[in-house]
Protein backbone atom coordinates (compact mmCIF):
# COMPACT_ATOMS: atom_id res chain seq x y z
CA UNK A 1 -24.91 -164.00 -10.37
CA UNK A 2 -22.14 -161.94 -8.74
CA UNK A 3 -24.44 -158.93 -8.50
CA UNK A 4 -27.08 -161.09 -6.87
CA UNK A 5 -24.61 -162.48 -4.32
CA UNK A 6 -23.36 -158.99 -3.62
CA UNK A 7 -26.90 -157.84 -2.92
CA UNK A 8 -27.50 -160.82 -0.63
CA UNK A 9 -24.30 -160.13 1.28
CA UNK A 10 -25.18 -156.46 1.61
CA UNK A 11 -28.63 -157.37 2.89
CA UNK A 12 -27.17 -159.82 5.43
CA UNK A 13 -24.67 -157.19 6.58
CA UNK A 14 -27.49 -154.70 7.01
CA UNK A 15 -29.48 -157.25 9.07
CA UNK A 16 -26.48 -157.93 11.29
CA UNK A 17 -25.98 -154.22 11.89
CA UNK A 18 -29.67 -153.70 12.54
CA UNK A 19 -30.26 -156.68 14.82
CA UNK A 20 -26.89 -157.07 16.56
CA UNK A 21 -24.57 -154.08 16.27
CA UNK A 22 -27.10 -151.38 17.17
CA UNK A 23 -28.56 -153.26 20.17
CA UNK A 24 -25.03 -154.04 21.38
CA UNK A 25 -23.95 -150.42 21.13
CA UNK A 26 -27.04 -148.95 22.80
CA UNK A 27 -27.29 -151.89 25.23
CA UNK A 28 -30.17 -150.57 27.37
CA UNK A 29 -29.95 -153.40 29.92
CA UNK A 30 -26.12 -153.50 30.06
CA UNK A 31 -25.91 -157.17 29.11
CA UNK A 32 -23.40 -156.64 26.30
CA UNK A 33 -21.17 -154.68 28.70
CA UNK A 34 -21.92 -156.37 32.04
CA UNK A 35 -18.58 -155.39 33.58
CA UNK A 36 -18.89 -151.71 32.72
CA UNK A 37 -22.54 -150.87 33.25
CA UNK A 38 -23.62 -147.41 32.16
CA UNK A 39 -26.29 -145.44 33.96
CA UNK A 40 -28.62 -144.77 31.06
CA UNK A 41 -31.80 -144.39 33.10
CA UNK A 42 -32.91 -147.99 32.57
CA UNK A 43 -32.32 -150.44 35.38
CA UNK A 44 -29.68 -152.97 34.30
CA UNK A 45 -30.53 -156.64 34.25
CA UNK A 46 -28.96 -156.97 37.68
CA UNK A 47 -29.26 -160.73 37.87
CA UNK A 48 -27.12 -161.09 34.74
CA UNK A 49 -24.75 -158.20 35.43
CA UNK A 50 -24.09 -159.19 39.05
CA UNK A 51 -23.59 -162.87 38.33
CA UNK A 52 -21.17 -162.05 35.51
CA UNK A 53 -19.27 -159.73 37.86
CA UNK A 54 -19.09 -162.28 40.69
CA UNK A 55 -17.97 -165.10 38.42
CA UNK A 56 -15.22 -162.83 37.06
CA UNK A 57 -14.17 -161.98 40.64
CA UNK A 58 -14.59 -165.27 42.50
CA UNK A 59 -12.34 -164.38 45.44
CA UNK A 60 -13.49 -160.83 46.09
CA UNK A 61 -16.35 -161.56 48.52
CA UNK A 62 -16.86 -164.10 51.27
CA UNK A 63 -20.58 -163.52 51.84
CA UNK A 64 -23.66 -162.72 49.75
CA UNK A 65 -27.08 -161.29 50.51
CA UNK A 66 -29.98 -162.35 48.28
CA UNK A 67 -33.48 -160.95 47.98
CA UNK A 68 -35.76 -158.63 46.07
CA UNK A 69 -35.12 -154.92 45.57
CA UNK A 70 -36.24 -154.46 49.19
CA UNK A 71 -32.89 -155.73 50.51
CA UNK A 72 -31.27 -153.09 48.31
CA UNK A 73 -31.40 -150.79 51.34
CA UNK A 74 -28.99 -152.99 53.31
CA UNK A 75 -25.42 -151.68 53.14
CA UNK A 76 -23.70 -155.03 53.42
CA UNK A 77 -20.23 -153.52 53.82
CA UNK A 78 -21.31 -152.83 57.43
CA UNK A 79 -21.68 -156.52 58.25
CA UNK A 80 -18.85 -157.16 60.68
CA UNK A 81 -16.10 -159.65 59.88
CA UNK A 82 -17.33 -160.20 56.33
CA UNK A 83 -16.82 -158.80 52.87
CA UNK A 84 -20.44 -159.17 51.83
CA UNK A 85 -21.95 -158.31 48.44
CA UNK A 86 -25.61 -157.40 48.00
CA UNK A 87 -27.11 -159.46 45.15
CA UNK A 88 -30.45 -157.62 45.20
CA UNK A 89 -32.40 -157.51 41.95
CA UNK A 90 -35.94 -156.51 41.08
CA UNK A 91 -38.52 -158.81 42.71
CA UNK A 92 -35.81 -161.42 43.23
CA UNK A 93 -37.21 -164.72 44.49
CA UNK A 94 -35.69 -167.65 46.42
CA UNK A 95 -35.91 -169.68 43.20
CA UNK A 96 -33.58 -167.25 41.45
CA UNK A 97 -31.29 -167.11 44.48
CA UNK A 98 -31.14 -170.91 44.45
CA UNK A 99 -30.07 -170.92 40.79
CA UNK A 100 -27.42 -168.24 41.41
CA UNK A 101 -26.04 -170.01 44.48
CA UNK A 102 -25.83 -173.31 42.61
CA UNK A 103 -23.98 -171.55 39.79
CA UNK A 104 -21.56 -170.01 42.29
CA UNK A 105 -20.84 -173.33 43.98
CA UNK A 106 -20.44 -175.08 40.63
CA UNK A 107 -17.80 -172.48 39.79
CA UNK A 108 -15.90 -172.94 43.04
CA UNK A 109 -17.35 -169.97 44.93
CA UNK A 110 -18.19 -171.10 48.47
CA UNK A 111 -18.73 -168.10 50.75
CA UNK A 112 -18.71 -168.15 54.54
CA UNK A 113 -22.27 -166.84 54.82
CA UNK A 114 -25.36 -166.49 52.65
CA UNK A 115 -28.16 -164.20 53.77
CA UNK A 116 -31.67 -164.42 52.33
CA UNK A 117 -34.34 -161.76 52.82
CA UNK A 118 -37.92 -163.00 52.39
CA UNK A 119 -41.40 -161.52 52.55
CA UNK A 120 -44.74 -161.76 50.75
CA UNK A 121 -43.07 -161.28 47.36
CA UNK A 122 -41.04 -164.44 47.89
CA UNK A 123 -44.03 -166.66 47.20
CA UNK A 124 -46.38 -164.40 45.21
CA UNK A 125 -43.98 -163.66 42.34
CA UNK A 126 -43.53 -166.24 39.58
CA UNK A 127 -39.78 -166.59 38.88
CA UNK A 128 -40.47 -168.18 35.50
CA UNK A 129 -42.30 -165.04 34.38
CA UNK A 130 -39.11 -163.05 34.96
CA UNK A 131 -37.50 -164.89 32.06
CA UNK A 132 -40.01 -163.32 29.70
CA UNK A 133 -38.68 -159.84 30.46
CA UNK A 134 -35.36 -158.45 29.21
CA UNK A 135 -34.82 -156.55 32.47
CA UNK A 136 -35.28 -159.55 34.79
CA UNK A 137 -34.31 -162.67 32.81
CA UNK A 138 -32.00 -164.73 34.97
CA UNK A 139 -28.32 -165.35 34.31
CA UNK A 140 -28.94 -169.09 34.13
CA UNK A 141 -31.81 -168.74 31.66
CA UNK A 142 -29.81 -166.48 29.37
CA UNK A 143 -26.75 -168.73 29.52
CA UNK A 144 -28.67 -171.98 29.05
CA UNK A 145 -29.44 -171.23 25.38
CA UNK A 146 -27.95 -168.51 23.19
CA UNK A 147 -31.34 -168.14 21.53
CA UNK A 148 -32.78 -166.87 24.82
CA UNK A 149 -30.20 -164.10 24.84
CA UNK A 150 -30.74 -163.29 21.17
CA UNK A 151 -34.51 -163.14 21.54
CA UNK A 152 -34.29 -160.60 24.34
CA UNK A 153 -31.39 -158.41 23.35
CA UNK A 154 -30.65 -158.74 19.61
CA UNK A 155 -33.92 -156.99 19.01
CA UNK A 156 -34.03 -153.59 17.39
CA UNK A 157 -37.60 -152.99 18.54
CA UNK A 158 -36.75 -153.53 22.22
CA UNK A 159 -33.74 -151.28 21.83
CA UNK A 160 -35.53 -148.40 20.12
CA UNK A 161 -38.31 -148.43 22.72
CA UNK A 162 -35.71 -147.64 25.36
CA UNK A 163 -34.31 -144.62 23.54
CA UNK A 164 -36.82 -142.14 24.96
CA UNK A 165 -35.67 -142.96 28.50
CA UNK A 166 -32.00 -142.97 27.53
CA UNK A 167 -32.31 -139.60 25.77
CA UNK A 168 -34.17 -138.05 28.73
CA UNK A 169 -31.03 -138.09 30.86
CA UNK A 170 -32.72 -139.84 33.78
CA UNK A 171 -30.52 -141.83 36.15
CA UNK A 172 -31.14 -145.06 38.02
CA UNK A 173 -30.05 -145.30 41.69
CA UNK A 174 -27.39 -147.86 42.57
CA UNK A 175 -25.61 -148.27 39.24
CA UNK A 176 -22.48 -146.55 40.56
CA UNK A 177 -22.37 -148.99 43.50
CA UNK A 178 -23.08 -152.14 41.51
CA UNK A 179 -19.45 -153.28 41.35
CA UNK A 180 -18.49 -152.68 44.96
CA UNK A 181 -21.49 -153.12 47.22
CA UNK A 182 -24.52 -154.11 45.14
CA UNK A 183 -27.07 -152.06 47.08
CA UNK A 184 -29.09 -149.29 45.42
CA UNK A 185 -30.74 -147.25 48.21
CA UNK A 186 -28.41 -144.72 49.83
CA UNK A 187 -29.10 -142.65 52.94
CA UNK A 188 -30.03 -139.54 50.99
CA UNK A 189 -32.50 -141.33 48.70
CA UNK A 190 -35.40 -138.98 48.13
CA UNK A 191 -38.88 -140.29 47.42
CA UNK A 192 -41.85 -138.43 45.99
CA UNK A 193 -44.24 -141.24 46.83
CA UNK A 194 -47.81 -140.11 47.58
CA UNK A 195 -48.82 -141.94 50.76
CA UNK A 196 -52.42 -140.78 50.38
CA UNK A 197 -52.67 -143.32 47.55
CA UNK A 198 -50.76 -146.12 49.27
CA UNK A 199 -51.21 -149.50 47.65
CA UNK A 200 -50.34 -153.09 48.49
CA UNK A 201 -47.26 -154.62 46.91
CA UNK A 202 -47.49 -158.28 45.98
CA UNK A 203 -47.28 -160.64 43.03
CA UNK A 204 -50.05 -162.47 41.24
CA UNK A 205 -49.52 -166.11 42.24
CA UNK A 206 -49.40 -168.17 45.42
CA UNK A 207 -46.55 -170.69 45.44
CA UNK A 208 -45.82 -171.14 49.13
CA UNK A 209 -44.94 -174.85 48.87
CA UNK A 210 -42.63 -174.33 45.89
CA UNK A 211 -40.86 -171.42 47.58
CA UNK A 212 -40.33 -173.36 50.80
CA UNK A 213 -38.88 -176.22 48.76
CA UNK A 214 -36.47 -173.81 47.09
CA UNK A 215 -35.35 -172.39 50.45
CA UNK A 216 -34.85 -175.93 51.71
CA UNK A 217 -32.64 -176.65 48.69
CA UNK A 218 -30.57 -173.54 49.41
CA UNK A 219 -30.07 -174.78 52.97
CA UNK A 220 -29.00 -178.19 51.67
CA UNK A 221 -26.41 -176.59 49.39
CA UNK A 222 -25.14 -174.46 52.27
CA UNK A 223 -24.98 -177.43 54.65
CA UNK A 224 -23.10 -179.51 52.07
CA UNK A 225 -20.54 -176.74 51.51
CA UNK A 226 -20.10 -175.54 55.11
CA UNK A 227 -21.81 -172.21 54.35
CA UNK A 228 -23.71 -170.49 57.13
CA UNK A 229 -27.27 -169.76 55.97
CA UNK A 230 -29.17 -166.89 57.61
CA UNK A 231 -32.76 -166.05 56.70
CA UNK A 232 -34.64 -162.93 57.75
CA UNK A 233 -37.96 -161.30 56.90
CA UNK A 234 -38.04 -157.90 55.26
CA UNK A 235 -39.98 -155.05 56.87
CA UNK A 236 -43.17 -154.25 54.96
CA UNK A 237 -45.48 -151.27 55.23
CA UNK A 238 -48.37 -151.69 57.63
CA UNK A 239 -50.89 -152.09 54.82
CA UNK A 240 -48.84 -154.67 52.91
CA UNK A 241 -48.04 -156.57 56.10
CA UNK A 242 -51.70 -156.74 57.18
CA UNK A 243 -52.75 -157.87 53.72
CA UNK A 244 -50.02 -160.52 53.74
CA UNK A 245 -51.22 -161.88 57.08
CA UNK A 246 -54.71 -162.18 55.60
CA UNK A 247 -53.35 -164.00 52.55
CA UNK A 248 -51.07 -166.79 53.71
CA UNK A 249 -48.03 -165.06 55.17
CA UNK A 250 -48.31 -166.91 58.48
CA UNK A 251 -48.52 -170.21 56.58
CA UNK A 252 -45.33 -169.27 54.77
CA UNK A 253 -43.57 -168.36 58.02
CA UNK A 254 -44.75 -171.54 59.73
CA UNK A 255 -43.32 -173.60 56.89
CA UNK A 256 -40.12 -171.57 56.96
CA UNK A 257 -39.70 -172.23 60.69
CA UNK A 258 -39.73 -175.97 59.95
CA UNK A 259 -36.73 -175.50 57.66
CA UNK A 260 -34.61 -172.98 59.53
CA UNK A 261 -34.68 -170.47 62.37
CA UNK A 262 -35.16 -166.99 60.96
CA UNK A 263 -34.98 -163.38 62.12
CA UNK A 264 -38.32 -161.59 62.03
CA UNK A 265 -38.08 -157.86 61.31
CA UNK A 266 -41.81 -157.25 61.49
CA UNK A 267 -41.21 -154.80 64.35
CA UNK A 268 -39.85 -152.38 61.72
CA UNK A 269 -43.06 -152.41 59.69
CA UNK A 270 -44.30 -149.08 61.01
CA UNK A 271 -47.95 -148.28 61.64
CA UNK A 272 -51.00 -147.35 59.64
CA UNK A 273 -50.00 -143.69 59.75
CA UNK A 274 -46.22 -143.85 60.31
CA UNK A 275 -44.24 -144.51 57.12
CA UNK A 276 -41.02 -142.92 58.31
CA UNK A 277 -39.02 -146.09 57.70
CA UNK A 278 -40.06 -146.40 54.06
CA UNK A 279 -39.23 -144.57 50.85
CA UNK A 280 -42.34 -145.91 49.10
CA UNK A 281 -45.01 -148.57 49.60
CA UNK A 282 -42.56 -151.39 48.94
CA UNK A 283 -39.06 -150.32 50.01
CA UNK A 284 -37.66 -149.51 53.43
CA UNK A 285 -34.90 -146.95 53.87
CA UNK A 286 -31.15 -147.39 54.29
CA UNK A 287 -31.58 -146.17 57.87
CA UNK A 288 -33.86 -149.14 58.56
CA UNK A 289 -31.30 -151.33 56.79
CA UNK A 290 -28.72 -150.19 59.35
CA UNK A 291 -31.06 -151.16 62.18
CA UNK A 292 -31.31 -154.62 60.63
CA UNK A 293 -27.53 -154.86 60.26
CA UNK A 294 -27.10 -154.11 63.94
CA UNK A 295 -29.20 -157.18 64.75
CA UNK A 296 -27.56 -159.32 62.06
CA UNK A 297 -24.12 -158.46 63.46
CA UNK A 298 -25.18 -159.74 66.87
CA UNK A 299 -27.07 -162.80 65.62
CA UNK A 300 -25.67 -166.09 66.83
């Protein structure tokens, strides 16, 4: 009997090492070490890492900027009179911003200003689908049930799949700045994007009404907590912008105008042949981000 129990204990110990210890040590998405993210070539789960960081430093910032990776080109430290942190994460939606903002307020974090960058991704990306992916699962989803965290990250198969990238020595832009500024696109960011094969960047759903409702809820939280709420549209490439206009973007903007005045940065979208303001078919450059900041600093 003792030999049997010893074998069982050894097997359990092996399972724990295999399913918990190894994933925690390798930690491809930096969720086991959210306050000391390592640049291993895999983009951290920025929603989880950034929310953990902010909740651990509740008094460090008095403003936050939310949006998809597109707002990652905005160097928020240049916003005058504010200590603003850029909460950008991959394909971030207003629904996820709403959840983060509610979490902040529930934990006593009430900034002076909240900025929200919107565009066609805001209503064509399904926020629920993000919770199915280890790289984009939201802080609130992962904290709501420990099983959600375990399913994503205590998984030796997910961990081993990441090893080829980790071993390649590749680096991910913006990891070094994640604990001070939050943005990822610096002024010297070099792109090898092939504009001869330009595509259109958008999600796979159309949830205009739901997204507008989520933005309205953000405004209600801001109004209730004396937080200034500023919404702006992100510049898009000419092709993406034209496609968006043909597929409901004006309806989205009309609905947005009924909720709040917003700043429209469509003038920075470039032309069919001029892509000088963009690093690829989805992201504008930090130089364009500075042009936007100049307007945001003078916005009353």
